[in-house]
Amino acid sequence: EGNGWAYADFRIREDGFTHFLVLNR
């Protein structure tokens, strides 16, 4: 409900992981 923002690209990167970013407001 607007208390944070989440980002992703759903790609497996060179390190073997899928990455997400969550900004906690």
PDBML (XML) file of the C-alpha atoms, coordinates in Angstrom:
<?xml version="1.0" encoding="UTF-8" ?>
<PDBx:datablock datablockName="MODEL"
   xmlns:PDBx="http://pdbml.pdb.org/schema/pdbx-v50.xsd"
   xmlns:xsi="http://www.w3.org/2001/XMLSchema-instance"
   xsi:schemaLocation="http://pdbml.pdb.org/schema/pdbx-v50.xsd pdbx-v50.xsd">
   <PDBx:atom_siteCategory>
      <PDBx:atom_site id="1">
         <PDBx:B_iso_or_equiv>0.00</PDBx:B_iso_or_equiv>
         <PDBx:Cartn_x>0.000</PDBx:Cartn_x>
         <PDBx:Cartn_y>0.000</PDBx:Cartn_y>
         <PDBx:Cartn_z>0.000</PDBx:Cartn_z>
         <PDBx:auth_asym_id>A</PDBx:auth_asym_id>
         <PDBx:auth_atom_id>CA</PDBx:auth_atom_id>
         <PDBx:auth_comp_id>GLU</PDBx:auth_comp_id>
         <PDBx:auth_seq_id>1</PDBx:auth_seq_id>
         <PDBx:group_PDB>ATOM</PDBx:group_PDB>
         <PDBx:label_alt_id xsi:nil="true" />
         <PDBx:label_asym_id>A</PDBx:label_asym_id>
         <PDBx:label_atom_id>CA</PDBx:label_atom_id>
         <PDBx:label_comp_id>GLU</PDBx:label_comp_id>
         <PDBx:label_entity_id>1</PDBx:label_entity_id>
         <PDBx:label_seq_id>1</PDBx:label_seq_id>
         <PDBx:occupancy>1.00</PDBx:occupancy>
         <PDBx:pdbx_PDB_model_num>1</PDBx:pdbx_PDB_model_num>
         <PDBx:type_symbol>C</PDBx:type_symbol>
      </PDBx:atom_site>
      <PDBx:atom_site id="2">
         <PDBx:B_iso_or_equiv>0.00</PDBx:B_iso_or_equiv>
         <PDBx:Cartn_x>2.804</PDBx:Cartn_x>
         <PDBx:Cartn_y>2.378</PDBx:Cartn_y>
         <PDBx:Cartn_z>-0.919</PDBx:Cartn_z>
         <PDBx:auth_asym_id>A</PDBx:auth_asym_id>
         <PDBx:auth_atom_id>CA</PDBx:auth_atom_id>
         <PDBx:auth_comp_id>GLY</PDBx:auth_comp_id>
         <PDBx:auth_seq_id>2</PDBx:auth_seq_id>
         <PDBx:group_PDB>ATOM</PDBx:group_PDB>
         <PDBx:label_alt_id xsi:nil="true" />
         <PDBx:label_asym_id>A</PDBx:label_asym_id>
         <PDBx:label_atom_id>CA</PDBx:label_atom_id>
         <PDBx:label_comp_id>GLY</PDBx:label_comp_id>
         <PDBx:label_entity_id>1</PDBx:label_entity_id>
         <PDBx:label_seq_id>2</PDBx:label_seq_id>
         <PDBx:occupancy>1.00</PDBx:occupancy>
         <PDBx:pdbx_PDB_model_num>1</PDBx:pdbx_PDB_model_num>
         <PDBx:type_symbol>C</PDBx:type_symbol>
      </PDBx:atom_site>
      <PDBx:atom_site id="3">
         <PDBx:B_iso_or_equiv>0.00</PDBx:B_iso_or_equiv>
         <PDBx:Cartn_x>5.047</PDBx:Cartn_x>
         <PDBx:Cartn_y>1.705</PDBx:Cartn_y>
         <PDBx:Cartn_z>2.090</PDBx:Cartn_z>
         <PDBx:auth_asym_id>A</PDBx:auth_asym_id>
         <PDBx:auth_atom_id>CA</PDBx:auth_atom_id>
         <PDBx:auth_comp_id>ASN</PDBx:auth_comp_id>
         <PDBx:auth_seq_id>3</PDBx:auth_seq_id>
         <PDBx:group_PDB>ATOM</PDBx:group_PDB>
         <PDBx:label_alt_id xsi:nil="true" />
         <PDBx:label_asym_id>A</PDBx:label_asym_id>
         <PDBx:label_atom_id>CA</PDBx:label_atom_id>
         <PDBx:label_comp_id>ASN</PDBx:label_comp_id>
         <PDBx:label_entity_id>1</PDBx:label_entity_id>
         <PDBx:label_seq_id>3</PDBx:label_seq_id>
         <PDBx:occupancy>1.00</PDBx:occupancy>
         <PDBx:pdbx_PDB_model_num>1</PDBx:pdbx_PDB_model_num>
         <PDBx:type_symbol>C</PDBx:type_symbol>
      </PDBx:atom_site>
      <PDBx:atom_site id="4">
         <PDBx:B_iso_or_equiv>0.00</PDBx:B_iso_or_equiv>
         <PDBx:Cartn_x>7.861</PDBx:Cartn_x>
         <PDBx:Cartn_y>0.455</PDBx:Cartn_y>
         <PDBx:Cartn_z>-0.126</PDBx:Cartn_z>
         <PDBx:auth_asym_id>A</PDBx:auth_asym_id>
         <PDBx:auth_atom_id>CA</PDBx:auth_atom_id>
         <PDBx:auth_comp_id>GLY</PDBx:auth_comp_id>
         <PDBx:auth_seq_id>4</PDBx:auth_seq_id>
         <PDBx:group_PDB>ATOM</PDBx:group_PDB>
         <PDBx:label_alt_id xsi:nil="true" />
         <PDBx:label_asym_id>A</PDBx:label_asym_id>
         <PDBx:label_atom_id>CA</PDBx:label_atom_id>
         <PDBx:label_comp_id>GLY</PDBx:label_comp_id>
         <PDBx:label_entity_id>1</PDBx:label_entity_id>
         <PDBx:label_seq_id>4</PDBx:label_seq_id>
         <PDBx:occupancy>1.00</PDBx:occupancy>
         <PDBx:pdbx_PDB_model_num>1</PDBx:pdbx_PDB_model_num>
         <PDBx:type_symbol>C</PDBx:type_symbol>
      </PDBx:atom_site>
      <PDBx:atom_site id="5">
         <PDBx:B_iso_or_equiv>0.00</PDBx:B_iso_or_equiv>
         <PDBx:Cartn_x>9.007</PDBx:Cartn_x>
         <PDBx:Cartn_y>-0.168</PDBx:Cartn_y>
         <PDBx:Cartn_z>-3.682</PDBx:Cartn_z>
         <PDBx:auth_asym_id>A</PDBx:auth_asym_id>
         <PDBx:auth_atom_id>CA</PDBx:auth_atom_id>
         <PDBx:auth_comp_id>TRP</PDBx:auth_comp_id>
         <PDBx:auth_seq_id>5</PDBx:auth_seq_id>
         <PDBx:group_PDB>ATOM</PDBx:group_PDB>
         <PDBx:label_alt_id xsi:nil="true" />
         <PDBx:label_asym_id>A</PDBx:label_asym_id>
         <PDBx:label_atom_id>CA</PDBx:label_atom_id>
         <PDBx:label_comp_id>TRP</PDBx:label_comp_id>
         <PDBx:label_entity_id>1</PDBx:label_entity_id>
         <PDBx:label_seq_id>5</PDBx:label_seq_id>
         <PDBx:occupancy>1.00</PDBx:occupancy>
         <PDBx:pdbx_PDB_model_num>1</PDBx:pdbx_PDB_model_num>
         <PDBx:type_symbol>C</PDBx:type_symbol>
      </PDBx:atom_site>
      <PDBx:atom_site id="6">
         <PDBx:B_iso_or_equiv>0.00</PDBx:B_iso_or_equiv>
         <PDBx:Cartn_x>10.145</PDBx:Cartn_x>
         <PDBx:Cartn_y>-3.439</PDBx:Cartn_y>
         <PDBx:Cartn_z>-5.250</PDBx:Cartn_z>
         <PDBx:auth_asym_id>A</PDBx:auth_asym_id>
         <PDBx:auth_atom_id>CA</PDBx:auth_atom_id>
         <PDBx:auth_comp_id>ALA</PDBx:auth_comp_id>
         <PDBx:auth_seq_id>6</PDBx:auth_seq_id>
         <PDBx:group_PDB>ATOM</PDBx:group_PDB>
         <PDBx:label_alt_id xsi:nil="true" />
         <PDBx:label_asym_id>A</PDBx:label_asym_id>
         <PDBx:label_atom_id>CA</PDBx:label_atom_id>
         <PDBx:label_comp_id>ALA</PDBx:label_comp_id>
         <PDBx:label_entity_id>1</PDBx:label_entity_id>
         <PDBx:label_seq_id>6</PDBx:label_seq_id>
         <PDBx:occupancy>1.00</PDBx:occupancy>
         <PDBx:pdbx_PDB_model_num>1</PDBx:pdbx_PDB_model_num>
         <PDBx:type_symbol>C</PDBx:type_symbol>
      </PDBx:atom_site>
      <PDBx:atom_site id="7">
         <PDBx:B_iso_or_equiv>0.00</PDBx:B_iso_or_equiv>
         <PDBx:Cartn_x>12.222</PDBx:Cartn_x>
         <PDBx:Cartn_y>-3.885</PDBx:Cartn_y>
         <PDBx:Cartn_z>-8.421</PDBx:Cartn_z>
         <PDBx:auth_asym_id>A</PDBx:auth_asym_id>
         <PDBx:auth_atom_id>CA</PDBx:auth_atom_id>
         <PDBx:auth_comp_id>TYR</PDBx:auth_comp_id>
         <PDBx:auth_seq_id>7</PDBx:auth_seq_id>
         <PDBx:group_PDB>ATOM</PDBx:group_PDB>
         <PDBx:label_alt_id xsi:nil="true" />
         <PDBx:label_asym_id>A</PDBx:label_asym_id>
         <PDBx:label_atom_id>CA</PDBx:label_atom_id>
         <PDBx:label_comp_id>TYR</PDBx:label_comp_id>
         <PDBx:label_entity_id>1</PDBx:label_entity_id>
         <PDBx:label_seq_id>7</PDBx:label_seq_id>
         <PDBx:occupancy>1.00</PDBx:occupancy>
         <PDBx:pdbx_PDB_model_num>1</PDBx:pdbx_PDB_model_num>
         <PDBx:type_symbol>C</PDBx:type_symbol>
      </PDBx:atom_site>
      <PDBx:atom_site id="8">
         <PDBx:B_iso_or_equiv>0.00</PDBx:B_iso_or_equiv>
         <PDBx:Cartn_x>13.321</PDBx:Cartn_x>
         <PDBx:Cartn_y>-6.943</PDBx:Cartn_y>
         <PDBx:Cartn_z>-10.389</PDBx:Cartn_z>
         <PDBx:auth_asym_id>A</PDBx:auth_asym_id>
         <PDBx:auth_atom_id>CA</PDBx:auth_atom_id>
         <PDBx:auth_comp_id>ALA</PDBx:auth_comp_id>
         <PDBx:auth_seq_id>8</PDBx:auth_seq_id>
         <PDBx:group_PDB>ATOM</PDBx:group_PDB>
         <PDBx:label_alt_id xsi:nil="true" />
         <PDBx:label_asym_id>A</PDBx:label_asym_id>
         <PDBx:label_atom_id>CA</PDBx:label_atom_id>
         <PDBx:label_comp_id>ALA</PDBx:label_comp_id>
         <PDBx:label_entity_id>1</PDBx:label_entity_id>
         <PDBx:label_seq_id>8</PDBx:label_seq_id>
         <PDBx:occupancy>1.00</PDBx:occupancy>
         <PDBx:pdbx_PDB_model_num>1</PDBx:pdbx_PDB_model_num>
         <PDBx:type_symbol>C</PDBx:type_symbol>
      </PDBx:atom_site>
      <PDBx:atom_site id="9">
         <PDBx:B_iso_or_equiv>0.00</PDBx:B_iso_or_equiv>
         <PDBx:Cartn_x>14.314</PDBx:Cartn_x>
         <PDBx:Cartn_y>-8.024</PDBx:Cartn_y>
         <PDBx:Cartn_z>-13.870</PDBx:Cartn_z>
         <PDBx:auth_asym_id>A</PDBx:auth_asym_id>
         <PDBx:auth_atom_id>CA</PDBx:auth_atom_id>
         <PDBx:auth_comp_id>ASP</PDBx:auth_comp_id>
         <PDBx:auth_seq_id>9</PDBx:auth_seq_id>
         <PDBx:group_PDB>ATOM</PDBx:group_PDB>
         <PDBx:label_alt_id xsi:nil="true" />
         <PDBx:label_asym_id>A</PDBx:label_asym_id>
         <PDBx:label_atom_id>CA</PDBx:label_atom_id>
         <PDBx:label_comp_id>ASP</PDBx:label_comp_id>
         <PDBx:label_entity_id>1</PDBx:label_entity_id>
         <PDBx:label_seq_id>9</PDBx:label_seq_id>
         <PDBx:occupancy>1.00</PDBx:occupancy>
         <PDBx:pdbx_PDB_model_num>1</PDBx:pdbx_PDB_model_num>
         <PDBx:type_symbol>C</PDBx:type_symbol>
      </PDBx:atom_site>
      <PDBx:atom_site id="10">
         <PDBx:B_iso_or_equiv>0.00</PDBx:B_iso_or_equiv>
         <PDBx:Cartn_x>13.736</PDBx:Cartn_x>
         <PDBx:Cartn_y>-11.790</PDBx:Cartn_y>
         <PDBx:Cartn_z>-13.427</PDBx:Cartn_z>
         <PDBx:auth_asym_id>A</PDBx:auth_asym_id>
         <PDBx:auth_atom_id>CA</PDBx:auth_atom_id>
         <PDBx:auth_comp_id>PHE</PDBx:auth_comp_id>
         <PDBx:auth_seq_id>10</PDBx:auth_seq_id>
         <PDBx:group_PDB>ATOM</PDBx:group_PDB>
         <PDBx:label_alt_id xsi:nil="true" />
         <PDBx:label_asym_id>A</PDBx:label_asym_id>
         <PDBx:label_atom_id>CA</PDBx:label_atom_id>
         <PDBx:label_comp_id>PHE</PDBx:label_comp_id>
         <PDBx:label_entity_id>1</PDBx:label_entity_id>
         <PDBx:label_seq_id>10</PDBx:label_seq_id>
         <PDBx:occupancy>1.00</PDBx:occupancy>
         <PDBx:pdbx_PDB_model_num>1</PDBx:pdbx_PDB_model_num>
         <PDBx:type_symbol>C</PDBx:type_symbol>
      </PDBx:atom_site>
      <PDBx:atom_site id="11">
         <PDBx:B_iso_or_equiv>0.00</PDBx:B_iso_or_equiv>
         <PDBx:Cartn_x>16.985</PDBx:Cartn_x>
         <PDBx:Cartn_y>-12.591</PDBx:Cartn_y>
         <PDBx:Cartn_z>-15.207</PDBx:Cartn_z>
         <PDBx:auth_asym_id>A</PDBx:auth_asym_id>
         <PDBx:auth_atom_id>CA</PDBx:auth_atom_id>
         <PDBx:auth_comp_id>ARG</PDBx:auth_comp_id>
         <PDBx:auth_seq_id>11</PDBx:auth_seq_id>
         <PDBx:group_PDB>ATOM</PDBx:group_PDB>
         <PDBx:label_alt_id xsi:nil="true" />
         <PDBx:label_asym_id>A</PDBx:label_asym_id>
         <PDBx:label_atom_id>CA</PDBx:label_atom_id>
         <PDBx:label_comp_id>ARG</PDBx:label_comp_id>
         <PDBx:label_entity_id>1</PDBx:label_entity_id>
         <PDBx:label_seq_id>11</PDBx:label_seq_id>
         <PDBx:occupancy>1.00</PDBx:occupancy>
         <PDBx:pdbx_PDB_model_num>1</PDBx:pdbx_PDB_model_num>
         <PDBx:type_symbol>C</PDBx:type_symbol>
      </PDBx:atom_site>
      <PDBx:atom_site id="12">
         <PDBx:B_iso_or_equiv>0.00</PDBx:B_iso_or_equiv>
         <PDBx:Cartn_x>19.655</PDBx:Cartn_x>
         <PDBx:Cartn_y>-15.015</PDBx:Cartn_y>
         <PDBx:Cartn_z>-14.020</PDBx:Cartn_z>
         <PDBx:auth_asym_id>A</PDBx:auth_asym_id>
         <PDBx:auth_atom_id>CA</PDBx:auth_atom_id>
         <PDBx:auth_comp_id>ILE</PDBx:auth_comp_id>
         <PDBx:auth_seq_id>12</PDBx:auth_seq_id>
         <PDBx:group_PDB>ATOM</PDBx:group_PDB>
         <PDBx:label_alt_id xsi:nil="true" />
         <PDBx:label_asym_id>A</PDBx:label_asym_id>
         <PDBx:label_atom_id>CA</PDBx:label_atom_id>
         <PDBx:label_comp_id>ILE</PDBx:label_comp_id>
         <PDBx:label_entity_id>1</PDBx:label_entity_id>
         <PDBx:label_seq_id>12</PDBx:label_seq_id>
         <PDBx:occupancy>1.00</PDBx:occupancy>
         <PDBx:pdbx_PDB_model_num>1</PDBx:pdbx_PDB_model_num>
         <PDBx:type_symbol>C</PDBx:type_symbol>
      </PDBx:atom_site>
      <PDBx:atom_site id="13">
         <PDBx:B_iso_or_equiv>0.00</PDBx:B_iso_or_equiv>
         <PDBx:Cartn_x>22.807</PDBx:Cartn_x>
         <PDBx:Cartn_y>-12.920</PDBx:Cartn_y>
         <PDBx:Cartn_z>-13.878</PDBx:Cartn_z>
         <PDBx:auth_asym_id>A</PDBx:auth_asym_id>
         <PDBx:auth_atom_id>CA</PDBx:auth_atom_id>
         <PDBx:auth_comp_id>ARG</PDBx:auth_comp_id>
         <PDBx:auth_seq_id>13</PDBx:auth_seq_id>
         <PDBx:group_PDB>ATOM</PDBx:group_PDB>
         <PDBx:label_alt_id xsi:nil="true" />
         <PDBx:label_asym_id>A</PDBx:label_asym_id>
         <PDBx:label_atom_id>CA</PDBx:label_atom_id>
         <PDBx:label_comp_id>ARG</PDBx:label_comp_id>
         <PDBx:label_entity_id>1</PDBx:label_entity_id>
         <PDBx:label_seq_id>13</PDBx:label_seq_id>
         <PDBx:occupancy>1.00</PDBx:occupancy>
         <PDBx:pdbx_PDB_model_num>1</PDBx:pdbx_PDB_model_num>
         <PDBx:type_symbol>C</PDBx:type_symbol>
      </PDBx:atom_site>
      <PDBx:atom_site id="14">
         <PDBx:B_iso_or_equiv>0.00</PDBx:B_iso_or_equiv>
         <PDBx:Cartn_x>26.398</PDBx:Cartn_x>
         <PDBx:Cartn_y>-13.999</PDBx:Cartn_y>
         <PDBx:Cartn_z>-14.217</PDBx:Cartn_z>
         <PDBx:auth_asym_id>A</PDBx:auth_asym_id>
         <PDBx:auth_atom_id>CA</PDBx:auth_atom_id>
         <PDBx:auth_comp_id>GLU</PDBx:auth_comp_id>
         <PDBx:auth_seq_id>14</PDBx:auth_seq_id>
         <PDBx:group_PDB>ATOM</PDBx:group_PDB>
         <PDBx:label_alt_id xsi:nil="true" />
         <PDBx:label_asym_id>A</PDBx:label_asym_id>
         <PDBx:label_atom_id>CA</PDBx:label_atom_id>
         <PDBx:label_comp_id>GLU</PDBx:label_comp_id>
         <PDBx:label_entity_id>1</PDBx:label_entity_id>
         <PDBx:label_seq_id>14</PDBx:label_seq_id>
         <PDBx:occupancy>1.00</PDBx:occupancy>
         <PDBx:pdbx_PDB_model_num>1</PDBx:pdbx_PDB_model_num>
         <PDBx:type_symbol>C</PDBx:type_symbol>
      </PDBx:atom_site>
      <PDBx:atom_site id="15">
         <PDBx:B_iso_or_equiv>0.00</PDBx:B_iso_or_equiv>
         <PDBx:Cartn_x>26.580</PDBx:Cartn_x>
         <PDBx:Cartn_y>-14.782</PDBx:Cartn_y>
         <PDBx:Cartn_z>-10.486</PDBx:Cartn_z>
         <PDBx:auth_asym_id>A</PDBx:auth_asym_id>
         <PDBx:auth_atom_id>CA</PDBx:auth_atom_id>
         <PDBx:auth_comp_id>ASP</PDBx:auth_comp_id>
         <PDBx:auth_seq_id>15</PDBx:auth_seq_id>
         <PDBx:group_PDB>ATOM</PDBx:group_PDB>
         <PDBx:label_alt_id xsi:nil="true" />
         <PDBx:label_asym_id>A</PDBx:label_asym_id>
         <PDBx:label_atom_id>CA</PDBx:label_atom_id>
         <PDBx:label_comp_id>ASP</PDBx:label_comp_id>
         <PDBx:label_entity_id>1</PDBx:label_entity_id>
         <PDBx:label_seq_id>15</PDBx:label_seq_id>
         <PDBx:occupancy>1.00</PDBx:occupancy>
         <PDBx:pdbx_PDB_model_num>1</PDBx:pdbx_PDB_model_num>
         <PDBx:type_symbol>C</PDBx:type_symbol>
      </PDBx:atom_site>
      <PDBx:atom_site id="16">
         <PDBx:B_iso_or_equiv>0.00</PDBx:B_iso_or_equiv>
         <PDBx:Cartn_x>23.765</PDBx:Cartn_x>
         <PDBx:Cartn_y>-17.322</PDBx:Cartn_y>
         <PDBx:Cartn_z>-10.925</PDBx:Cartn_z>
         <PDBx:auth_asym_id>A</PDBx:auth_asym_id>
         <PDBx:auth_atom_id>CA</PDBx:auth_atom_id>
         <PDBx:auth_comp_id>GLY</PDBx:auth_comp_id>
         <PDBx:auth_seq_id>16</PDBx:auth_seq_id>
         <PDBx:group_PDB>ATOM</PDBx:group_PDB>
         <PDBx:label_alt_id xsi:nil="true" />
         <PDBx:label_asym_id>A</PDBx:label_asym_id>
         <PDBx:label_atom_id>CA</PDBx:label_atom_id>
         <PDBx:label_comp_id>GLY</PDBx:label_comp_id>
         <PDBx:label_entity_id>1</PDBx:label_entity_id>
         <PDBx:label_seq_id>16</PDBx:label_seq_id>
         <PDBx:occupancy>1.00</PDBx:occupancy>
         <PDBx:pdbx_PDB_model_num>1</PDBx:pdbx_PDB_model_num>
         <PDBx:type_symbol>C</PDBx:type_symbol>
      </PDBx:atom_site>
      <PDBx:atom_site id="17">
         <PDBx:B_iso_or_equiv>0.00</PDBx:B_iso_or_equiv>
         <PDBx:Cartn_x>21.148</PDBx:Cartn_x>
         <PDBx:Cartn_y>-15.354</PDBx:Cartn_y>
         <PDBx:Cartn_z>-8.975</PDBx:Cartn_z>
         <PDBx:auth_asym_id>A</PDBx:auth_asym_id>
         <PDBx:auth_atom_id>CA</PDBx:auth_atom_id>
         <PDBx:auth_comp_id>PHE</PDBx:auth_comp_id>
         <PDBx:auth_seq_id>17</PDBx:auth_seq_id>
         <PDBx:group_PDB>ATOM</PDBx:group_PDB>
         <PDBx:label_alt_id xsi:nil="true" />
         <PDBx:label_asym_id>A</PDBx:label_asym_id>
         <PDBx:label_atom_id>CA</PDBx:label_atom_id>
         <PDBx:label_comp_id>PHE</PDBx:label_comp_id>
         <PDBx:label_entity_id>1</PDBx:label_entity_id>
         <PDBx:label_seq_id>17</PDBx:label_seq_id>
         <PDBx:occupancy>1.00</PDBx:occupancy>
         <PDBx:pdbx_PDB_model_num>1</PDBx:pdbx_PDB_model_num>
         <PDBx:type_symbol>C</PDBx:type_symbol>
      </PDBx:atom_site>
      <PDBx:atom_site id="18">
         <PDBx:B_iso_or_equiv>0.00</PDBx:B_iso_or_equiv>
         <PDBx:Cartn_x>17.969</PDBx:Cartn_x>
         <PDBx:Cartn_y>-13.484</PDBx:Cartn_y>
         <PDBx:Cartn_z>-9.803</PDBx:Cartn_z>
         <PDBx:auth_asym_id>A</PDBx:auth_asym_id>
         <PDBx:auth_atom_id>CA</PDBx:auth_atom_id>
         <PDBx:auth_comp_id>THR</PDBx:auth_comp_id>
         <PDBx:auth_seq_id>18</PDBx:auth_seq_id>
         <PDBx:group_PDB>ATOM</PDBx:group_PDB>
         <PDBx:label_alt_id xsi:nil="true" />
         <PDBx:label_asym_id>A</PDBx:label_asym_id>
         <PDBx:label_atom_id>CA</PDBx:label_atom_id>
         <PDBx:label_comp_id>THR</PDBx:label_comp_id>
         <PDBx:label_entity_id>1</PDBx:label_entity_id>
         <PDBx:label_seq_id>18</PDBx:label_seq_id>
         <PDBx:occupancy>1.00</PDBx:occupancy>
         <PDBx:pdbx_PDB_model_num>1</PDBx:pdbx_PDB_model_num>
         <PDBx:type_symbol>C</PDBx:type_symbol>
      </PDBx:atom_site>
      <PDBx:atom_site id="19">
         <PDBx:B_iso_or_equiv>0.00</PDBx:B_iso_or_equiv>
         <PDBx:Cartn_x>18.138</PDBx:Cartn_x>
         <PDBx:Cartn_y>-10.087</PDBx:Cartn_y>
         <PDBx:Cartn_z>-8.108</PDBx:Cartn_z>
         <PDBx:auth_asym_id>A</PDBx:auth_asym_id>
         <PDBx:auth_atom_id>CA</PDBx:auth_atom_id>
         <PDBx:auth_comp_id>HIS</PDBx:auth_comp_id>
         <PDBx:auth_seq_id>19</PDBx:auth_seq_id>
         <PDBx:group_PDB>ATOM</PDBx:group_PDB>
         <PDBx:label_alt_id xsi:nil="true" />
         <PDBx:label_asym_id>A</PDBx:label_asym_id>
         <PDBx:label_atom_id>CA</PDBx:label_atom_id>
         <PDBx:label_comp_id>HIS</PDBx:label_comp_id>
         <PDBx:label_entity_id>1</PDBx:label_entity_id>
         <PDBx:label_seq_id>19</PDBx:label_seq_id>
         <PDBx:occupancy>1.00</PDBx:occupancy>
         <PDBx:pdbx_PDB_model_num>1</PDBx:pdbx_PDB_model_num>
         <PDBx:type_symbol>C</PDBx:type_symbol>
      </PDBx:atom_site>
      <PDBx:atom_site id="20">
         <PDBx:B_iso_or_equiv>0.00</PDBx:B_iso_or_equiv>
         <PDBx:Cartn_x>15.452</PDBx:Cartn_x>
         <PDBx:Cartn_y>-8.026</PDBx:Cartn_y>
         <PDBx:Cartn_z>-6.362</PDBx:Cartn_z>
         <PDBx:auth_asym_id>A</PDBx:auth_asym_id>
         <PDBx:auth_atom_id>CA</PDBx:auth_atom_id>
         <PDBx:auth_comp_id>PHE</PDBx:auth_comp_id>
         <PDBx:auth_seq_id>20</PDBx:auth_seq_id>
         <PDBx:group_PDB>ATOM</PDBx:group_PDB>
         <PDBx:label_alt_id xsi:nil="true" />
         <PDBx:label_asym_id>A</PDBx:label_asym_id>
         <PDBx:label_atom_id>CA</PDBx:label_atom_id>
         <PDBx:label_comp_id>PHE</PDBx:label_comp_id>
         <PDBx:label_entity_id>1</PDBx:label_entity_id>
         <PDBx:label_seq_id>20</PDBx:label_seq_id>
         <PDBx:occupancy>1.00</PDBx:occupancy>
         <PDBx:pdbx_PDB_model_num>1</PDBx:pdbx_PDB_model_num>
         <PDBx:type_symbol>C</PDBx:type_symbol>
      </PDBx:atom_site>
      <PDBx:atom_site id="21">
         <PDBx:B_iso_or_equiv>0.00</PDBx:B_iso_or_equiv>
         <PDBx:Cartn_x>15.630</PDBx:Cartn_x>
         <PDBx:Cartn_y>-4.611</PDBx:Cartn_y>
         <PDBx:Cartn_z>-4.744</PDBx:Cartn_z>
         <PDBx:auth_asym_id>A</PDBx:auth_asym_id>
         <PDBx:auth_atom_id>CA</PDBx:auth_atom_id>
         <PDBx:auth_comp_id>LEU</PDBx:auth_comp_id>
         <PDBx:auth_seq_id>21</PDBx:auth_seq_id>
         <PDBx:group_PDB>ATOM</PDBx:group_PDB>
         <PDBx:label_alt_id xsi:nil="true" />
         <PDBx:label_asym_id>A</PDBx:label_asym_id>
         <PDBx:label_atom_id>CA</PDBx:label_atom_id>
         <PDBx:label_comp_id>LEU</PDBx:label_comp_id>
         <PDBx:label_entity_id>1</PDBx:label_entity_id>
         <PDBx:label_seq_id>21</PDBx:label_seq_id>
         <PDBx:occupancy>1.00</PDBx:occupancy>
         <PDBx:pdbx_PDB_model_num>1</PDBx:pdbx_PDB_model_num>
         <PDBx:type_symbol>C</PDBx:type_symbol>
      </PDBx:atom_site>
      <PDBx:atom_site id="22">
         <PDBx:B_iso_or_equiv>0.00</PDBx:B_iso_or_equiv>
         <PDBx:Cartn_x>13.175</PDBx:Cartn_x>
         <PDBx:Cartn_y>-3.523</PDBx:Cartn_y>
         <PDBx:Cartn_z>-2.042</PDBx:Cartn_z>
         <PDBx:auth_asym_id>A</PDBx:auth_asym_id>
         <PDBx:auth_atom_id>CA</PDBx:auth_atom_id>
         <PDBx:auth_comp_id>VAL</PDBx:auth_comp_id>
         <PDBx:auth_seq_id>22</PDBx:auth_seq_id>
         <PDBx:group_PDB>ATOM</PDBx:group_PDB>
         <PDBx:label_alt_id xsi:nil="true" />
         <PDBx:label_asym_id>A</PDBx:label_asym_id>
         <PDBx:label_atom_id>CA</PDBx:label_atom_id>
         <PDBx:label_comp_id>VAL</PDBx:label_comp_id>
         <PDBx:label_entity_id>1</PDBx:label_entity_id>
         <PDBx:label_seq_id>22</PDBx:label_seq_id>
         <PDBx:occupancy>1.00</PDBx:occupancy>
         <PDBx:pdbx_PDB_model_num>1</PDBx:pdbx_PDB_model_num>
         <PDBx:type_symbol>C</PDBx:type_symbol>
      </PDBx:atom_site>
      <PDBx:atom_site id="23">
         <PDBx:B_iso_or_equiv>0.00</PDBx:B_iso_or_equiv>
         <PDBx:Cartn_x>13.231</PDBx:Cartn_x>
         <PDBx:Cartn_y>0.082</PDBx:Cartn_y>
         <PDBx:Cartn_z>-0.873</PDBx:Cartn_z>
         <PDBx:auth_asym_id>A</PDBx:auth_asym_id>
         <PDBx:auth_atom_id>CA</PDBx:auth_atom_id>
         <PDBx:auth_comp_id>LEU</PDBx:auth_comp_id>
         <PDBx:auth_seq_id>23</PDBx:auth_seq_id>
         <PDBx:group_PDB>ATOM</PDBx:group_PDB>
         <PDBx:label_alt_id xsi:nil="true" />
         <PDBx:label_asym_id>A</PDBx:label_asym_id>
         <PDBx:label_atom_id>CA</PDBx:label_atom_id>
         <PDBx:label_comp_id>LEU</PDBx:label_comp_id>
         <PDBx:label_entity_id>1</PDBx:label_entity_id>
         <PDBx:label_seq_id>23</PDBx:label_seq_id>
         <PDBx:occupancy>1.00</PDBx:occupancy>
         <PDBx:pdbx_PDB_model_num>1</PDBx:pdbx_PDB_model_num>
         <PDBx:type_symbol>C</PDBx:type_symbol>
      </PDBx:atom_site>
      <PDBx:atom_site id="24">
         <PDBx:B_iso_or_equiv>0.00</PDBx:B_iso_or_equiv>
         <PDBx:Cartn_x>11.675</PDBx:Cartn_x>
         <PDBx:Cartn_y>0.255</PDBx:Cartn_y>
         <PDBx:Cartn_z>2.581</PDBx:Cartn_z>
         <PDBx:auth_asym_id>A</PDBx:auth_asym_id>
         <PDBx:auth_atom_id>CA</PDBx:auth_atom_id>
         <PDBx:auth_comp_id>ASN</PDBx:auth_comp_id>
         <PDBx:auth_seq_id>24</PDBx:auth_seq_id>
         <PDBx:group_PDB>ATOM</PDBx:group_PDB>
         <PDBx:label_alt_id xsi:nil="true" />
         <PDBx:label_asym_id>A</PDBx:label_asym_id>
         <PDBx:label_atom_id>CA</PDBx:label_atom_id>
         <PDBx:label_comp_id>ASN</PDBx:label_comp_id>
         <PDBx:label_entity_id>1</PDBx:label_entity_id>
         <PDBx:label_seq_id>24</PDBx:label_seq_id>
         <PDBx:occupancy>1.00</PDBx:occupancy>
         <PDBx:pdbx_PDB_model_num>1</PDBx:pdbx_PDB_model_num>
         <PDBx:type_symbol>C</PDBx:type_symbol>
      </PDBx:atom_site>
      <PDBx:atom_site id="25">
         <PDBx:B_iso_or_equiv>0.00</PDBx:B_iso_or_equiv>
         <PDBx:Cartn_x>10.007</PDBx:Cartn_x>
         <PDBx:Cartn_y>3.602</PDBx:Cartn_y>
         <PDBx:Cartn_z>3.122</PDBx:Cartn_z>
         <PDBx:auth_asym_id>A</PDBx:auth_asym_id>
         <PDBx:auth_atom_id>CA</PDBx:auth_atom_id>
         <PDBx:auth_comp_id>ARG</PDBx:auth_comp_id>
         <PDBx:auth_seq_id>25</PDBx:auth_seq_id>
         <PDBx:group_PDB>ATOM</PDBx:group_PDB>
         <PDBx:label_alt_id xsi:nil="true" />
         <PDBx:label_asym_id>A</PDBx:label_asym_id>
         <PDBx:label_atom_id>CA</PDBx:label_atom_id>
         <PDBx:label_comp_id>ARG</PDBx:label_comp_id>
         <PDBx:label_entity_id>1</PDBx:label_entity_id>
         <PDBx:label_seq_id>25</PDBx:label_seq_id>
         <PDBx:occupancy>1.00</PDBx:occupancy>
         <PDBx:pdbx_PDB_model_num>1</PDBx:pdbx_PDB_model_num>
         <PDBx:type_symbol>C</PDBx:type_symbol>
      </PDBx:atom_site>
   </PDBx:atom_siteCategory>
</PDBx:datablock>
